Amino acid sequence: MTDLETLRSALREPPAEGFAEPDLGAIMTKGRRIRRRRRLATGAGGVAAAVVTVLVIVGAVALREPAQQPLPPAASAPAAPVPAPVSPSVTEAPSVSPLGDVIPLGLKGEGGRELVIYASEIDEPSMPDVRFGLQVAYRSGAGEYEALLSANEFKGSDRSFGFHAVDGGDLVQGTFVPVFGYFSGPAVRISSTVRGKPVEAKVIPWSEDPSVVIFWFDGAQVESPYVLTPLVAYDAKGQRLTK
């Protein structure tokens, strides 16, 4: 027997184990289901992509085009009226009784009224070591005074060595109040410079305590306390009391 005949004989013999015929219907059904799932998955992805695209387009349009009709405002209590702005001004000092002698400034104010300066008592619990301050006022006669501007120490003691309550250089009720203050210590002369030019203050001892002197400057020479550089006090021997 040739090799070819042996091969042909082997092909004609039945197999050792039998194989069932393929179920073509089941195979086709399964194939249709697989294709359907793929289509659904592809379709869902397409729908999702379409939704994202629509949202992006709508968002872009919303950013470019604001709503034509604004939403109605929420109900609220009516707003309180806003007060008109108030221009800054100098607060007038309350009229108080003089403490010690009243000192004429040698000046006339509005209506020809005389300007004076005097010490006045202070009773403020938050400042236990401040017992007096200064007042510039109109004197209208018969012991009546209309205060224009007041000044006092606000930190520490009112009689600690040095300058205190330096103020003035303001226009109050149409009247210029000169720069004034007081010095606690044995001063008989007070001077300064304004833009390099020396100026001298008028000095009067306080009748209640001569160790305190009240002073003021000529308004034509000193228009503000901020132009004084610096204030200097001298004793009776001409020695400088301050640096």
Protein backbone atom coordinates (compact mmCIF):
# COMPACT_ATOMS: atom_id res chain seq x y z
CA MET A 1 0.00 0.00 0.00
CA THR A 2 1.37 3.27 -1.05
CA ASP A 3 1.39 6.34 1.21
CA LEU A 4 -1.39 7.92 -0.85
CA GLU A 5 -3.66 4.92 -0.44
CA THR A 6 -2.95 4.89 3.32
CA LEU A 7 -4.00 8.58 3.57
CA ARG A 8 -7.19 8.01 1.63
CA SER A 9 -8.12 5.03 3.89
CA ALA A 10 -7.60 7.13 7.02
CA LEU A 11 -9.85 9.91 5.70
CA ARG A 12 -12.67 7.48 5.03
CA GLU A 13 -12.64 6.15 8.61
CA PRO A 14 -15.22 7.78 11.10
CA PRO A 15 -13.74 9.92 13.91
CA ALA A 16 -13.19 8.46 17.36
CA GLU A 17 -15.61 10.97 18.94
CA GLY A 18 -18.63 12.43 17.32
CA PHE A 19 -19.22 16.17 16.94
CA ALA A 20 -22.68 17.71 17.04
CA GLU A 21 -23.77 19.71 14.03
CA PRO A 22 -23.45 23.44 14.59
CA ASP A 23 -26.61 25.37 15.56
CA LEU A 24 -26.56 28.02 12.91
CA GLY A 25 -29.70 29.73 14.26
CA ALA A 26 -28.23 30.19 17.74
CA ILE A 27 -24.98 31.44 16.29
CA MET A 28 -26.82 34.02 14.17
CA THR A 29 -29.01 35.10 17.11
CA LYS A 30 -25.97 35.55 19.32
CA GLY A 31 -24.25 37.48 16.61
CA ARG A 32 -27.26 39.78 16.24
CA ARG A 33 -27.27 40.43 20.02
CA ILE A 34 -23.57 41.30 20.02
CA ARG A 35 -24.07 43.68 17.13
CA ARG A 36 -27.12 45.22 18.86
CA ARG A 37 -25.15 45.84 22.07
CA ARG A 38 -22.37 47.46 20.11
CA ARG A 39 -24.85 49.67 18.29
CA LEU A 40 -26.50 50.66 21.56
CA ALA A 41 -23.15 51.44 23.13
CA THR A 42 -22.13 53.45 20.11
CA GLY A 43 -25.48 55.19 20.09
CA ALA A 44 -25.31 56.07 23.78
CA GLY A 45 -21.87 57.51 23.29
CA GLY A 46 -23.14 59.53 20.40
CA VAL A 47 -26.08 60.85 22.46
CA ALA A 48 -23.76 61.78 25.33
CA ALA A 49 -21.42 63.55 22.95
CA ALA A 50 -24.38 65.36 21.41
CA VAL A 51 -25.64 66.44 24.87
CA VAL A 52 -22.20 67.76 25.81
CA THR A 53 -21.99 69.65 22.55
CA VAL A 54 -25.43 71.22 23.10
CA LEU A 55 -24.50 72.25 26.65
CA VAL A 56 -21.28 73.84 25.47
CA ILE A 57 -23.11 75.76 22.76
CA VAL A 58 -25.86 76.90 25.14
CA GLY A 59 -23.27 77.96 27.75
CA ALA A 60 -21.34 79.93 25.18
CA VAL A 61 -24.51 81.68 24.01
CA ALA A 62 -25.46 82.45 27.63
CA LEU A 63 -22.05 84.03 28.21
CA ARG A 64 -22.27 86.13 25.07
CA GLU A 65 -25.88 87.21 25.46
CA PRO A 66 -27.10 88.31 28.92
CA ALA A 67 -30.71 87.83 29.80
CA GLN A 68 -32.90 90.42 28.15
CA GLN A 69 -35.32 90.65 31.07
CA PRO A 70 -33.85 91.02 34.59
CA LEU A 71 -35.36 89.03 37.40
CA PRO A 72 -37.68 90.98 39.71
CA PRO A 73 -35.90 92.19 42.87
CA ALA A 74 -36.53 90.40 46.13
CA ALA A 75 -38.85 92.14 48.55
CA SER A 76 -37.00 94.17 51.19
CA ALA A 77 -37.54 96.98 53.62
CA PRO A 78 -37.29 100.46 52.08
CA ALA A 79 -33.75 101.86 52.24
CA ALA A 80 -33.09 104.66 54.68
CA PRO A 81 -32.34 108.01 53.03
CA VAL A 82 -28.63 108.79 52.72
CA PRO A 83 -27.77 112.04 54.53
CA ALA A 84 -26.02 114.75 52.58
CA PRO A 85 -22.27 115.02 53.23
CA VAL A 86 -21.33 117.46 55.94
CA SER A 87 -18.35 119.71 55.45
CA PRO A 88 -15.75 119.54 58.23
CA SER A 89 -15.88 122.47 60.60
CA VAL A 90 -14.43 123.59 63.89
CA THR A 91 -16.59 122.65 66.85
CA GLU A 92 -17.47 125.62 68.98
CA ALA A 93 -16.50 125.41 72.61
CA PRO A 94 -19.23 125.51 75.24
CA SER A 95 -19.37 128.70 77.29
CA VAL A 96 -17.90 128.12 80.77
CA SER A 97 -16.93 130.37 83.67
CA PRO A 98 -13.35 131.66 83.76
CA LEU A 99 -10.94 130.12 86.24
CA GLY A 100 -8.74 133.04 87.26
CA ASP A 101 -8.23 136.32 85.41
CA VAL A 102 -9.55 136.90 81.90
CA ILE A 103 -6.75 138.07 79.55
CA PRO A 104 -7.56 140.40 76.62
CA LEU A 105 -5.89 139.34 73.38
CA GLY A 106 -5.89 142.88 72.02
CA LEU A 107 -7.98 141.77 69.05
CA LYS A 108 -11.46 142.48 67.76
CA GLY A 109 -13.65 139.81 66.22
CA GLU A 110 -16.81 139.86 64.16
CA GLY A 111 -18.97 142.86 64.93
CA GLY A 112 -16.11 144.54 66.77
CA ARG A 113 -16.39 142.24 69.77
CA GLU A 114 -13.36 141.80 72.01
CA LEU A 115 -11.43 138.54 72.03
CA VAL A 116 -10.15 137.21 75.34
CA ILE A 117 -8.45 134.05 76.64
CA TYR A 118 -8.88 132.41 80.02
CA ALA A 119 -8.50 129.12 81.86
CA SER A 120 -11.57 126.99 82.59
CA GLU A 121 -12.12 124.07 84.91
CA ILE A 122 -12.31 120.51 83.53
CA ASP A 123 -13.94 117.63 85.37
CA GLU A 124 -13.54 114.51 83.23
CA PRO A 125 -13.19 111.10 84.96
CA SER A 126 -11.27 109.66 81.99
CA MET A 127 -8.60 112.37 82.48
CA PRO A 128 -8.07 112.54 86.26
CA ASP A 129 -4.85 114.59 85.98
CA VAL A 130 -6.32 117.22 83.68
CA ARG A 131 -8.10 119.86 85.76
CA PHE A 132 -8.12 122.89 83.48
CA GLY A 133 -7.91 123.99 79.86
CA LEU A 134 -7.92 127.22 77.84
CA GLN A 135 -10.81 129.08 76.23
CA VAL A 136 -10.77 131.78 73.56
CA ALA A 137 -14.04 133.70 73.64
CA TYR A 138 -15.88 136.92 72.88
CA ARG A 139 -16.42 139.20 75.84
CA SER A 140 -19.72 141.02 75.50
CA GLY A 141 -19.60 142.94 78.78
CA ALA A 142 -21.23 142.39 82.17
CA GLY A 143 -19.17 139.23 82.63
CA GLU A 144 -20.75 137.44 79.67
CA TYR A 145 -18.59 135.32 77.34
CA GLU A 146 -19.27 133.52 74.09
CA ALA A 147 -16.71 130.76 73.66
CA LEU A 148 -15.11 130.24 70.26
CA LEU A 149 -12.39 127.62 70.71
CA SER A 150 -11.15 125.50 73.59
CA ALA A 151 -8.00 123.43 74.05
CA ASN A 152 -6.61 121.27 76.84
CA GLU A 153 -4.15 118.50 77.59
CA PHE A 154 -5.64 115.05 77.04
CA LYS A 155 -2.82 112.74 78.08
CA GLY A 156 -0.96 112.69 81.37
CA SER A 157 -0.90 115.69 83.70
CA ASP A 158 -1.98 119.19 82.72
CA ARG A 159 0.91 120.64 84.75
CA SER A 160 3.75 118.41 83.64
CA PHE A 161 6.77 120.42 82.49
CA GLY A 162 6.52 121.70 78.94
CA PHE A 163 4.09 123.03 76.34
CA HIS A 164 0.40 122.14 76.46
CA ALA A 165 -2.85 122.76 74.56
CA VAL A 166 -1.22 124.49 71.59
CA ASP A 167 -4.06 125.24 69.16
CA GLY A 168 -5.65 128.01 67.10
CA GLY A 169 -4.94 129.32 63.65
CA ASP A 170 -8.62 128.73 62.77
CA LEU A 171 -11.40 130.87 61.39
CA VAL A 172 -14.35 130.49 63.78
CA GLN A 173 -17.63 132.37 63.25
CA GLY A 174 -15.88 134.67 60.83
CA THR A 175 -13.13 135.51 63.35
CA PHE A 176 -9.51 134.36 63.14
CA VAL A 177 -8.42 132.75 66.42
CA PRO A 178 -4.64 133.19 66.90
CA VAL A 179 -2.31 130.35 67.81
CA PHE A 180 -2.27 129.97 71.60
CA GLY A 181 -1.31 127.58 74.39
CA TYR A 182 0.32 127.42 77.78
CA PHE A 183 3.67 126.38 79.23
CA SER A 184 4.10 124.71 82.60
CA GLY A 185 7.40 125.87 84.05
CA PRO A 186 9.32 129.09 84.92
CA ALA A 187 9.10 130.58 81.42
CA VAL A 188 9.07 134.34 80.81
CA ARG A 189 9.70 134.26 77.07
CA ILE A 190 8.47 131.99 74.29
CA SER A 191 9.71 132.19 70.73
CA SER A 192 9.88 130.18 67.53
CA THR A 193 10.63 130.53 63.84
CA VAL A 194 8.26 130.57 60.85
CA ARG A 195 9.97 129.72 57.56
CA GLY A 196 13.26 130.77 59.07
CA LYS A 197 11.99 134.07 60.51
CA PRO A 198 12.00 134.44 64.33
CA VAL A 199 8.66 135.19 66.03
CA GLU A 200 7.87 136.09 69.64
CA ALA A 201 4.71 135.18 71.60
CA LYS A 202 2.97 137.36 74.15
CA VAL A 203 3.30 135.73 77.57
CA ILE A 204 1.08 136.26 80.66
CA PRO A 205 1.36 134.24 83.93
CA TRP A 206 -1.83 132.50 84.97
CA SER A 207 -3.31 134.20 88.02
CA GLU A 208 -4.26 130.89 89.62
CA ASP A 209 -0.75 129.43 89.28
CA PRO A 210 2.15 131.69 88.19
CA SER A 211 4.24 128.63 87.33
CA VAL A 212 1.94 128.29 84.32
CA VAL A 213 2.14 130.95 81.57
CA ILE A 214 -0.45 131.54 78.86
CA PHE A 215 0.84 132.67 75.47
CA TRP A 216 -0.41 133.54 71.97
CA PHE A 217 1.12 134.71 68.69
CA ASP A 218 0.29 137.53 66.32
CA GLY A 219 -1.91 136.11 63.58
CA ALA A 220 -0.13 138.20 60.94
CA GLN A 221 3.11 136.34 61.74
CA VAL A 222 1.84 132.84 62.67
CA GLU A 223 -1.11 131.54 60.70
CA SER A 224 -1.02 127.98 62.07
CA PRO A 225 0.64 126.03 64.89
CA TYR A 226 2.12 123.71 62.26
CA VAL A 227 4.47 126.37 60.88
CA LEU A 228 6.25 126.84 64.23
CA THR A 229 9.67 125.14 64.18
CA PRO A 230 10.15 124.70 67.08
CA LEU A 231 8.57 126.28 70.15
CA VAL A 232 11.22 127.35 72.65
CA ALA A 233 10.77 128.58 76.25
CA TYR A 234 13.31 130.70 78.18
CA ASP A 235 13.54 131.52 81.87
CA ALA A 236 14.16 134.90 83.51
CA LYS A 237 17.93 134.52 83.04
CA GLY A 238 17.52 133.92 79.32
CA GLN A 239 18.40 130.27 79.63
CA ARG A 240 16.65 127.88 77.34
CA LEU A 241 14.19 125.61 79.13
CA THR A 242 13.37 123.35 76.20
CA LYS A 243 15.49 121.71 73.52
